[in-house]
Amino acid sequence: MANKNVVSHMKEITRSQQEIEHKLQRVEELRKRLRARTELTADESDKLEAELEDVKKGILDNEAKLKSYYGENRKSFMFAVMLMFFSFLFYGLYLMVYGHGR
């Protein structure tokens, strides 16, 4: 019985990429607001800078997750390639031993 909590690596990769994209947009918004400091008080500016640092940290975390997901996806792909290779190898050996037609 399959575990319903298991999500494919591609879905996790896509989700992480979307989160990174969303956070990068948020970084741009925060940078624009910080450039217009004349409208902000010192307290608001400090809050925005703290939020900017939090968002940047979130981006780095998601990039680390994404790297991990790529590694797991690579392992799955290599397993599939090896399975195909050995299948063709054994089929070729079978044909060499028993011939093409009987």
Protein backbone atom coordinates (compact mmCIF):
# COMPACT_ATOMS: atom_id res chain seq x y z
CA MET A 1 0.00 0.00 0.00
CA ALA A 2 1.46 3.34 -1.07
CA ASN A 3 2.04 6.12 1.41
CA LYS A 4 -0.22 9.08 0.58
CA ASN A 5 2.25 11.52 2.12
CA VAL A 6 4.93 10.67 -0.43
CA VAL A 7 5.24 13.36 -3.08
CA SER A 8 7.29 12.98 -6.23
CA HIS A 9 10.57 14.81 -6.46
CA MET A 10 9.35 16.80 -9.45
CA LYS A 11 6.40 18.18 -7.46
CA GLU A 12 8.72 19.18 -4.64
CA ILE A 13 11.13 20.79 -7.12
CA THR A 14 8.27 22.73 -8.71
CA ARG A 15 6.94 23.82 -5.32
CA SER A 16 10.38 24.99 -4.19
CA GLN A 17 10.95 26.89 -7.44
CA GLN A 18 7.59 28.64 -7.04
CA GLU A 19 8.40 29.58 -3.44
CA ILE A 20 11.77 30.97 -4.50
CA GLU A 21 10.14 32.99 -7.29
CA HIS A 22 7.53 34.38 -4.88
CA LYS A 23 10.18 35.30 -2.33
CA LEU A 24 12.35 36.97 -4.98
CA GLN A 25 9.36 39.13 -5.93
CA ARG A 26 8.91 39.99 -2.27
CA VAL A 27 12.60 40.94 -2.03
CA GLU A 28 12.16 43.33 -4.97
CA GLU A 29 9.11 44.90 -3.34
CA LEU A 30 10.97 45.37 -0.07
CA ARG A 31 14.01 46.85 -1.82
CA LYS A 32 11.82 49.34 -3.67
CA ARG A 33 10.17 50.41 -0.41
CA LEU A 34 13.54 50.72 1.29
CA ARG A 35 14.87 52.90 -1.55
CA ALA A 36 12.01 55.29 -0.88
CA ARG A 37 13.14 55.78 2.74
CA THR A 38 11.91 59.36 2.76
CA GLU A 39 8.37 58.02 3.28
CA LEU A 40 9.35 55.62 6.08
CA THR A 41 10.07 56.17 9.72
CA ALA A 42 13.20 54.64 11.24
CA ASP A 43 11.12 51.94 12.94
CA GLU A 44 9.36 50.99 9.70
CA SER A 45 12.68 50.93 7.89
CA ASP A 46 14.16 48.59 10.51
CA LYS A 47 11.14 46.29 10.24
CA LEU A 48 11.47 46.18 6.46
CA GLU A 49 15.18 45.41 6.68
CA ALA A 50 14.49 42.60 9.16
CA GLU A 51 11.78 41.20 6.88
CA LEU A 52 14.15 41.45 3.93
CA GLU A 53 16.76 39.42 5.81
CA ASP A 54 14.13 36.81 6.75
CA VAL A 55 13.01 36.50 3.14
CA LYS A 56 16.61 36.15 1.97
CA LYS A 57 17.17 33.41 4.55
CA GLY A 58 14.02 31.65 3.29
CA ILE A 59 15.35 31.82 -0.27
CA LEU A 60 18.64 30.25 0.80
CA ASP A 61 16.77 27.49 2.65
CA ASN A 62 14.62 26.75 -0.39
CA GLU A 63 17.67 26.70 -2.65
CA ALA A 64 19.27 24.13 -0.34
CA LYS A 65 16.08 22.03 -0.46
CA LEU A 66 16.00 22.36 -4.23
CA LYS A 67 19.59 21.13 -4.48
CA SER A 68 18.66 18.14 -2.31
CA TYR A 69 15.60 17.37 -4.46
CA TYR A 70 17.72 17.52 -7.62
CA GLY A 71 20.12 15.02 -6.06
CA GLU A 72 17.27 12.65 -5.17
CA ASN A 73 15.78 13.04 -8.63
CA ARG A 74 19.18 12.25 -10.16
CA LYS A 75 19.40 9.06 -8.10
CA SER A 76 15.96 7.94 -9.27
CA PHE A 77 16.87 8.66 -12.88
CA MET A 78 20.16 6.75 -12.60
CA PHE A 79 18.31 3.76 -11.14
CA ALA A 80 15.91 3.75 -14.10
CA VAL A 81 18.79 4.01 -16.58
CA MET A 82 20.68 1.17 -14.92
CA LEU A 83 17.55 -0.99 -14.92
CA MET A 84 17.08 -0.40 -18.66
CA PHE A 85 20.78 -1.08 -19.34
CA PHE A 86 20.76 -4.40 -17.50
CA SER A 87 17.48 -5.40 -19.14
CA PHE A 88 18.96 -4.87 -22.60
CA LEU A 89 22.20 -6.54 -21.54
CA PHE A 90 20.41 -9.68 -20.32
CA TYR A 91 18.19 -9.70 -23.41
CA GLY A 92 21.27 -9.47 -25.64
CA LEU A 93 22.98 -12.28 -23.73
CA TYR A 94 19.83 -14.39 -24.00
CA LEU A 95 19.78 -13.89 -27.77
CA MET A 96 23.47 -14.77 -28.04
CA VAL A 97 23.04 -17.99 -26.04
CA TYR A 98 19.72 -19.22 -27.40
CA GLY A 99 19.76 -17.64 -30.86
CA HIS A 100 17.24 -15.51 -32.71
CA GLY A 101 14.73 -18.12 -33.68
CA ARG A 102 14.01 -21.63 -32.83
